[in-house]
Amino acid sequence: MMKDSHTFVLDFIEGSEERNQIRAKMTQCFDGISVHGLPMLSIPDGEDVDYPYLNGRFKDGLAAITNSIIERLQTPR
């Protein structure tokens, strides 16, 4: 979906001009927005979410979210 929504259509394809205008507007509207996902965690029944249950992918995702927020702060940290 990401590739389809950001890849401009060649001008000889019917409807390409309108689709390319939509793509350009989407690129303009969403410039600077980052999306991060976190993997599902397996937490044993009766247990609370705790650091030992976070796998490497989850920790990496948290780091990416944190870095993204820090980059956008008004005051340098």
PDB file of N, CA and C in Angstrom:
ATOM      1  N   MET A   1       0.814  -1.175   0.000  1.00  0.00           N
ATOM      2  CA  MET A   1       0.000   0.000   0.000  1.00  0.00           C
ATOM      3  C   MET A   1       0.873   1.261   0.000  1.00  0.00           C
ATOM      4  N   MET A   2       1.931   1.252   0.793  1.00  0.00           N
ATOM      5  CA  MET A   2       2.824   2.409   0.854  1.00  0.00           C
ATOM      6  C   MET A   2       3.424   2.674  -0.524  1.00  0.00           C
ATOM      7  N   LYS A   3       3.880   1.617  -1.174  1.00  0.00           N
ATOM      8  CA  LYS A   3       4.487   1.781  -2.499  1.00  0.00           C
ATOM      9  C   LYS A   3       3.452   2.320  -3.490  1.00  0.00           C
ATOM     10  N   ASP A   4       2.251   1.747  -3.473  1.00  0.00           N
ATOM     11  CA  ASP A   4       1.208   2.189  -4.394  1.00  0.00           C
ATOM     12  C   ASP A   4       0.809   3.637  -4.159  1.00  0.00           C
ATOM     13  N   SER A   5       0.761   4.042  -2.905  1.00  0.00           N
ATOM     14  CA  SER A   5       0.304   5.397  -2.607  1.00  0.00           C
ATOM     15  C   SER A   5       1.376   6.454  -2.857  1.00  0.00           C
ATOM     16  N   HIS A   6       2.633   6.058  -2.996  1.00  0.00           N
ATOM     17  CA  HIS A   6       3.704   7.025  -3.187  1.00  0.00           C
ATOM     18  C   HIS A   6       4.397   6.936  -4.550  1.00  0.00           C
ATOM     19  N   THR A   7       4.003   5.986  -5.369  1.00  0.00           N
ATOM     20  CA  THR A   7       4.623   5.827  -6.680  1.00  0.00           C
ATOM     21  C   THR A   7       3.765   6.528  -7.730  1.00  0.00           C
ATOM     22  N   PHE A   8       4.325   7.520  -8.374  1.00  0.00           N
ATOM     23  CA  PHE A   8       3.585   8.260  -9.384  1.00  0.00           C
ATOM     24  C   PHE A   8       3.349   7.386 -10.611  1.00  0.00           C
ATOM     25  N   VAL A   9       2.173   7.559 -11.225  1.00  0.00           N
ATOM     26  CA  VAL A   9       1.741   6.752 -12.362  1.00  0.00           C
ATOM     27  C   VAL A   9       2.224   7.423 -13.646  1.00  0.00           C
ATOM     28  N   LEU A  10       2.672   6.616 -14.580  1.00  0.00           N
ATOM     29  CA  LEU A  10       3.124   7.141 -15.869  1.00  0.00           C
ATOM     30  C   LEU A  10       1.975   7.855 -16.568  1.00  0.00           C
ATOM     31  N   ASP A  11       2.269   8.926 -17.278  1.00  0.00           N
ATOM     32  CA  ASP A  11       1.225   9.792 -17.822  1.00  0.00           C
ATOM     33  C   ASP A  11       0.393   9.179 -18.940  1.00  0.00           C
ATOM     34  N   PHE A  12       0.806   8.074 -19.502  1.00  0.00           N
ATOM     35  CA  PHE A  12       0.002   7.466 -20.571  1.00  0.00           C
ATOM     36  C   PHE A  12      -1.085   6.535 -20.025  1.00  0.00           C
ATOM     37  N   ILE A  13      -1.120   6.327 -18.724  1.00  0.00           N
ATOM     38  CA  ILE A  13      -2.145   5.470 -18.117  1.00  0.00           C
ATOM     39  C   ILE A  13      -3.363   6.329 -17.802  1.00  0.00           C
ATOM     40  N   GLU A  14      -4.532   5.848 -18.181  1.00  0.00           N
ATOM     41  CA  GLU A  14      -5.773   6.592 -17.976  1.00  0.00           C
ATOM     42  C   GLU A  14      -5.965   6.951 -16.496  1.00  0.00           C
ATOM     43  N   GLY A  15      -6.277   8.204 -16.223  1.00  0.00           N
ATOM     44  CA  GLY A  15      -6.508   8.665 -14.859  1.00  0.00           C
ATOM     45  C   GLY A  15      -5.251   9.008 -14.096  1.00  0.00           C
ATOM     46  N   SER A  16      -4.107   8.919 -14.767  1.00  0.00           N
ATOM     47  CA  SER A  16      -2.839   9.118 -14.063  1.00  0.00           C
ATOM     48  C   SER A  16      -2.673  10.548 -13.550  1.00  0.00           C
ATOM     49  N   GLU A  17      -3.152  11.528 -14.303  1.00  0.00           N
ATOM     50  CA  GLU A  17      -2.980  12.918 -13.880  1.00  0.00           C
ATOM     51  C   GLU A  17      -3.679  13.178 -12.540  1.00  0.00           C
ATOM     52  N   GLU A  18      -4.919  12.724 -12.429  1.00  0.00           N
ATOM     53  CA  GLU A  18      -5.666  12.912 -11.175  1.00  0.00           C
ATOM     54  C   GLU A  18      -5.010  12.138 -10.023  1.00  0.00           C
ATOM     55  N   ARG A  19      -4.626  10.895 -10.279  1.00  0.00           N
ATOM     56  CA  ARG A  19      -3.985  10.094  -9.217  1.00  0.00           C
ATOM     57  C   ARG A  19      -2.669  10.705  -8.778  1.00  0.00           C
ATOM     58  N   ASN A  20      -1.894  11.240  -9.718  1.00  0.00           N
ATOM     59  CA  ASN A  20      -0.628  11.860  -9.373  1.00  0.00           C
ATOM     60  C   ASN A  20      -0.830  13.145  -8.578  1.00  0.00           C
ATOM     61  N   GLN A  21      -1.898  13.899  -8.888  1.00  0.00           N
ATOM     62  CA  GLN A  21      -2.213  15.095  -8.109  1.00  0.00           C
ATOM     63  C   GLN A  21      -2.570  14.716  -6.671  1.00  0.00           C
ATOM     64  N   ILE A  22      -3.321  13.635  -6.517  1.00  0.00           N
ATOM     65  CA  ILE A  22      -3.682  13.144  -5.181  1.00  0.00           C
ATOM     66  C   ILE A  22      -2.423  12.713  -4.431  1.00  0.00           C
ATOM     67  N   ARG A  23      -1.539  11.987  -5.107  1.00  0.00           N
ATOM     68  CA  ARG A  23      -0.286  11.555  -4.478  1.00  0.00           C
ATOM     69  C   ARG A  23       0.559  12.749  -4.036  1.00  0.00           C
ATOM     70  N   ALA A  24       0.645  13.769  -4.879  1.00  0.00           N
ATOM     71  CA  ALA A  24       1.422  14.956  -4.533  1.00  0.00           C
ATOM     72  C   ALA A  24       0.822  15.653  -3.313  1.00  0.00           C
ATOM     73  N   LYS A  25      -0.490  15.732  -3.242  1.00  0.00           N
ATOM     74  CA  LYS A  25      -1.149  16.361  -2.096  1.00  0.00           C
ATOM     75  C   LYS A  25      -0.927  15.540  -0.826  1.00  0.00           C
ATOM     76  N   MET A  26      -0.997  14.213  -0.929  1.00  0.00           N
ATOM     77  CA  MET A  26      -0.744  13.346   0.227  1.00  0.00           C
ATOM     78  C   MET A  26       0.679  13.537   0.728  1.00  0.00           C
ATOM     79  N   THR A  27       1.629  13.597  -0.194  1.00  0.00           N
ATOM     80  CA  THR A  27       3.030  13.784   0.182  1.00  0.00           C
ATOM     81  C   THR A  27       3.197  15.112   0.915  1.00  0.00           C
ATOM     82  N   GLN A  28       2.544  16.149   0.417  1.00  0.00           N
ATOM     83  CA  GLN A  28       2.623  17.469   1.046  1.00  0.00           C
ATOM     84  C   GLN A  28       1.975  17.450   2.433  1.00  0.00           C
ATOM     85  N   CYS A  29       0.805  16.850   2.556  1.00  0.00           N
ATOM     86  CA  CYS A  29       0.065  16.853   3.822  1.00  0.00           C
ATOM     87  C   CYS A  29       0.751  16.030   4.907  1.00  0.00           C
ATOM     88  N   PHE A  30       1.380  14.936   4.525  1.00  0.00           N
ATOM     89  CA  PHE A  30       1.941  14.022   5.507  1.00  0.00           C
ATOM     90  C   PHE A  30       3.459  14.115   5.624  1.00  0.00           C
ATOM     91  N   ASP A  31       4.048  15.138   5.019  1.00  0.00           N
ATOM     92  CA  ASP A  31       5.492  15.315   5.101  1.00  0.00           C
ATOM     93  C   ASP A  31       5.910  15.489   6.557  1.00  0.00           C
ATOM     94  N   GLY A  32       6.890  14.728   6.984  1.00  0.00           N
ATOM     95  CA  GLY A  32       7.389  14.849   8.353  1.00  0.00           C
ATOM     96  C   GLY A  32       6.693  13.957   9.354  1.00  0.00           C
ATOM     97  N   ILE A  33       5.671  13.230   8.935  1.00  0.00           N
ATOM     98  CA  ILE A  33       4.977  12.326   9.848  1.00  0.00           C
ATOM     99  C   ILE A  33       5.619  10.949   9.765  1.00  0.00           C
ATOM    100  N   SER A  34       5.910  10.396  10.922  1.00  0.00           N
ATOM    101  CA  SER A  34       6.486   9.056  10.979  1.00  0.00           C
ATOM    102  C   SER A  34       5.486   8.105  11.622  1.00  0.00           C
ATOM    103  N   VAL A  35       5.485   6.900  11.143  1.00  0.00           N
ATOM    104  CA  VAL A  35       4.624   5.866  11.719  1.00  0.00           C
ATOM    105  C   VAL A  35       5.522   4.739  12.197  1.00  0.00           C
ATOM    106  N   HIS A  36       5.328   4.350  13.426  1.00  0.00           N
ATOM    107  CA  HIS A  36       6.110   3.265  14.007  1.00  0.00           C
ATOM    108  C   HIS A  36       5.142   2.208  14.527  1.00  0.00           C
ATOM    109  N   GLY A  37       5.521   0.972  14.372  1.00  0.00           N
ATOM    110  CA  GLY A  37       4.711  -0.119  14.885  1.00  0.00           C
ATOM    111  C   GLY A  37       5.478  -0.896  15.936  1.00  0.00           C
ATOM    112  N   LEU A  38       4.739  -1.523  16.791  1.00  0.00           N
ATOM    113  CA  LEU A  38       5.339  -2.383  17.809  1.00  0.00           C
ATOM    114  C   LEU A  38       4.800  -3.795  17.620  1.00  0.00           C
ATOM    115  N   PRO A  39       5.673  -4.792  17.772  1.00  0.00           N
ATOM    116  CA  PRO A  39       5.204  -6.176  17.636  1.00  0.00           C
ATOM    117  C   PRO A  39       4.354  -6.575  18.838  1.00  0.00           C
ATOM    118  N   MET A  40       3.585  -7.598  18.646  1.00  0.00           N
ATOM    119  CA  MET A  40       2.748  -8.121  19.728  1.00  0.00           C
ATOM    120  C   MET A  40       3.635  -8.775  20.779  1.00  0.00           C
ATOM    121  N   LEU A  41       3.269  -8.584  22.014  1.00  0.00           N
ATOM    122  CA  LEU A  41       4.010  -9.203  23.115  1.00  0.00           C
ATOM    123  C   LEU A  41       3.267 -10.422  23.631  1.00  0.00           C
ATOM    124  N   SER A  42       4.020 -11.386  24.073  1.00  0.00           N
ATOM    125  CA  SER A  42       3.435 -12.567  24.725  1.00  0.00           C
ATOM    126  C   SER A  42       3.702 -12.434  26.221  1.00  0.00           C
ATOM    127  N   ILE A  43       2.670 -12.108  26.951  1.00  0.00           N
ATOM    128  CA  ILE A  43       2.771 -11.952  28.401  1.00  0.00           C
ATOM    129  C   ILE A  43       1.997 -13.103  29.040  1.00  0.00           C
ATOM    130  N   PRO A  44       2.632 -13.852  29.916  1.00  0.00           N
ATOM    131  CA  PRO A  44       1.931 -14.967  30.568  1.00  0.00           C
ATOM    132  C   PRO A  44       0.708 -14.479  31.353  1.00  0.00           C
ATOM    133  N   ASP A  45      -0.323 -15.317  31.384  1.00  0.00           N
ATOM    134  CA  ASP A  45      -1.529 -14.988  32.148  1.00  0.00           C
ATOM    135  C   ASP A  45      -1.168 -14.643  33.586  1.00  0.00           C
ATOM    136  N   GLY A  46      -1.792 -13.602  34.086  1.00  0.00           N
ATOM    137  CA  GLY A  46      -1.577 -13.204  35.469  1.00  0.00           C
ATOM    138  C   GLY A  46      -0.362 -12.328  35.681  1.00  0.00           C
ATOM    139  N   GLU A  47       0.419 -12.103  34.632  1.00  0.00           N
ATOM    140  CA  GLU A  47       1.621 -11.265  34.750  1.00  0.00           C
ATOM    141  C   GLU A  47       1.350  -9.881  34.194  1.00  0.00           C
ATOM    142  N   ASP A  48       2.035  -8.884  34.739  1.00  0.00           N
ATOM    143  CA  ASP A  48       1.967  -7.531  34.204  1.00  0.00           C
ATOM    144  C   ASP A  48       3.045  -7.360  33.142  1.00  0.00           C
ATOM    145  N   VAL A  49       2.828  -6.399  32.255  1.00  0.00           N
ATOM    146  CA  VAL A  49       3.866  -6.079  31.275  1.00  0.00           C
ATOM    147  C   VAL A  49       5.060  -5.535  32.045  1.00  0.00           C
ATOM    148  N   ASP A  50       6.215  -6.130  31.813  1.00  0.00           N
ATOM    149  CA  ASP A  50       7.419  -5.729  32.526  1.00  0.00           C
ATOM    150  C   ASP A  50       8.603  -5.860  31.560  1.00  0.00           C
ATOM    151  N   TYR A  51       9.647  -5.149  31.853  1.00  0.00           N
ATOM    152  CA  TYR A  51      10.806  -5.095  30.955  1.00  0.00           C
ATOM    153  C   TYR A  51      11.333  -6.470  30.530  1.00  0.00           C
ATOM    154  N   PRO A  52      11.414  -7.438  31.413  1.00  0.00           N
ATOM    155  CA  PRO A  52      11.936  -8.745  30.980  1.00  0.00           C
ATOM    156  C   PRO A  52      11.112  -9.407  29.864  1.00  0.00           C
ATOM    157  N   TYR A  53       9.846  -9.007  29.701  1.00  0.00           N
ATOM    158  CA  TYR A  53       9.000  -9.600  28.664  1.00  0.00           C
ATOM    159  C   TYR A  53       9.140  -8.904  27.307  1.00  0.00           C
ATOM    160  N   LEU A  54       9.852  -7.788  27.252  1.00  0.00           N
ATOM    161  CA  LEU A  54      10.001  -7.059  25.995  1.00  0.00           C
ATOM    162  C   LEU A  54      11.114  -7.689  25.159  1.00  0.00           C
ATOM    163  N   ASN A  55      10.758  -8.102  23.948  1.00  0.00           N
ATOM    164  CA  ASN A  55      11.779  -8.696  23.077  1.00  0.00           C
ATOM    165  C   ASN A  55      12.558  -7.594  22.362  1.00  0.00           C
ATOM    166  N   GLY A  56      13.584  -7.961  21.646  1.00  0.00           N
ATOM    167  CA  GLY A  56      14.449  -7.002  20.974  1.00  0.00           C
ATOM    168  C   GLY A  56      13.711  -6.120  19.982  1.00  0.00           C
ATOM    169  N   ARG A  57      12.789  -6.683  19.214  1.00  0.00           N
ATOM    170  CA  ARG A  57      12.027  -5.901  18.235  1.00  0.00           C
ATOM    171  C   ARG A  57      11.177  -4.857  18.932  1.00  0.00           C
ATOM    172  N   PHE A  58      10.589  -5.224  20.068  1.00  0.00           N
ATOM    173  CA  PHE A  58       9.753  -4.284  20.809  1.00  0.00           C
ATOM    174  C   PHE A  58      10.616  -3.146  21.353  1.00  0.00           C
ATOM    175  N   LYS A  59      11.765  -3.484  21.925  1.00  0.00           N
ATOM    176  CA  LYS A  59      12.669  -2.459  22.457  1.00  0.00           C
ATOM    177  C   LYS A  59      13.163  -1.539  21.340  1.00  0.00           C
ATOM    178  N   ASP A  60      13.478  -2.107  20.182  1.00  0.00           N
ATOM    179  CA  ASP A  60      13.913  -1.299  19.042  1.00  0.00           C
ATOM    180  C   ASP A  60      12.793  -0.355  18.588  1.00  0.00           C
ATOM    181  N   GLY A  61      11.563  -0.841  18.590  1.00  0.00           N
ATOM    182  CA  GLY A  61      10.417  -0.008  18.232  1.00  0.00           C
ATOM    183  C   GLY A  61      10.218   1.141  19.210  1.00  0.00           C
ATOM    184  N   LEU A  62      10.361   0.845  20.501  1.00  0.00           N
ATOM    185  CA  LEU A  62      10.262   1.906  21.505  1.00  0.00           C
ATOM    186  C   LEU A  62      11.361   2.949  21.303  1.00  0.00           C
ATOM    187  N   ALA A  63      12.555   2.485  20.987  1.00  0.00           N
ATOM    188  CA  ALA A  63      13.668   3.413  20.743  1.00  0.00           C
ATOM    189  C   ALA A  63      13.380   4.296  19.532  1.00  0.00           C
ATOM    190  N   ALA A  64      12.816   3.717  18.471  1.00  0.00           N
ATOM    191  CA  ALA A  64      12.492   4.490  17.270  1.00  0.00           C
ATOM    192  C   ALA A  64      11.434   5.551  17.577  1.00  0.00           C
ATOM    193  N   ILE A  65      10.431   5.194  18.356  1.00  0.00           N
ATOM    194  CA  ILE A  65       9.395   6.158  18.740  1.00  0.00           C
ATOM    195  C   ILE A  65      10.008   7.279  19.577  1.00  0.00           C
ATOM    196  N   THR A  66      10.829   6.910  20.538  1.00  0.00           N
ATOM    197  CA  THR A  66      11.472   7.897  21.406  1.00  0.00           C
ATOM    198  C   THR A  66      12.352   8.845  20.602  1.00  0.00           C
ATOM    199  N   ASN A  67      13.164   8.298  19.710  1.00  0.00           N
ATOM    200  CA  ASN A  67      14.039   9.134  18.885  1.00  0.00           C
ATOM    201  C   ASN A  67      13.231  10.075  17.992  1.00  0.00           C
ATOM    202  N   SER A  68      12.122   9.589  17.462  1.00  0.00           N
ATOM    203  CA  SER A  68      11.261  10.406  16.622  1.00  0.00           C
ATOM    204  C   SER A  68      10.687  11.587  17.411  1.00  0.00           C
ATOM    205  N   ILE A  69      10.283  11.335  18.636  1.00  0.00           N
ATOM    206  CA  ILE A  69       9.743  12.398  19.492  1.00  0.00           C
ATOM    207  C   ILE A  69      10.837  13.399  19.838  1.00  0.00           C
ATOM    208  N   ILE A  70      11.998  12.905  20.229  1.00  0.00           N
ATOM    209  CA  ILE A  70      13.105  13.789  20.620  1.00  0.00           C
ATOM    210  C   ILE A  70      13.529  14.686  19.451  1.00  0.00           C
ATOM    211  N   GLU A  71      13.539  14.160  18.238  1.00  0.00           N
ATOM    212  CA  GLU A  71      13.921  14.948  17.070  1.00  0.00           C
ATOM    213  C   GLU A  71      12.978  16.123  16.839  1.00  0.00           C
ATOM    214  N   ARG A  72      11.738  16.001  17.297  1.00  0.00           N
ATOM    215  CA  ARG A  72      10.734  17.039  17.043  1.00  0.00           C
ATOM    216  C   ARG A  72      10.552  18.006  18.220  1.00  0.00           C
ATOM    217  N   LEU A  73      11.273  17.799  19.294  1.00  0.00           N
ATOM    218  CA  LEU A  73      11.170  18.691  20.452  1.00  0.00           C
ATOM    219  C   LEU A  73      11.683  20.084  20.097  1.00  0.00           C
ATOM    220  N   GLN A  74      11.024  21.094  20.648  1.00  0.00           N
ATOM    221  CA  GLN A  74      11.440  22.477  20.412  1.00  0.00           C
ATOM    222  C   GLN A  74      12.782  22.772  21.093  1.00  0.00           C
ATOM    223  N   THR A  75      12.951  22.230  22.299  1.00  0.00           N
ATOM    224  CA  THR A  75      14.164  22.473  23.077  1.00  0.00           C
ATOM    225  C   THR A  75      15.101  21.277  22.938  1.00  0.00           C
ATOM    226  N   PRO A  76      16.340  21.501  22.499  1.00  0.00           N
ATOM    227  CA  PRO A  76      17.279  20.375  22.396  1.00  0.00           C
ATOM    228  C   PRO A  76      17.506  19.711  23.753  1.00  0.00           C
ATOM    229  N   ARG A  77      17.687  18.417  23.720  1.00  0.00           N
ATOM    230  CA  ARG A  77      17.927  17.649  24.964  1.00  0.00           C
ATOM    231  C   ARG A  77      19.344  17.154  24.982  1.00  0.00           C
TER     232      ARG A  77
END
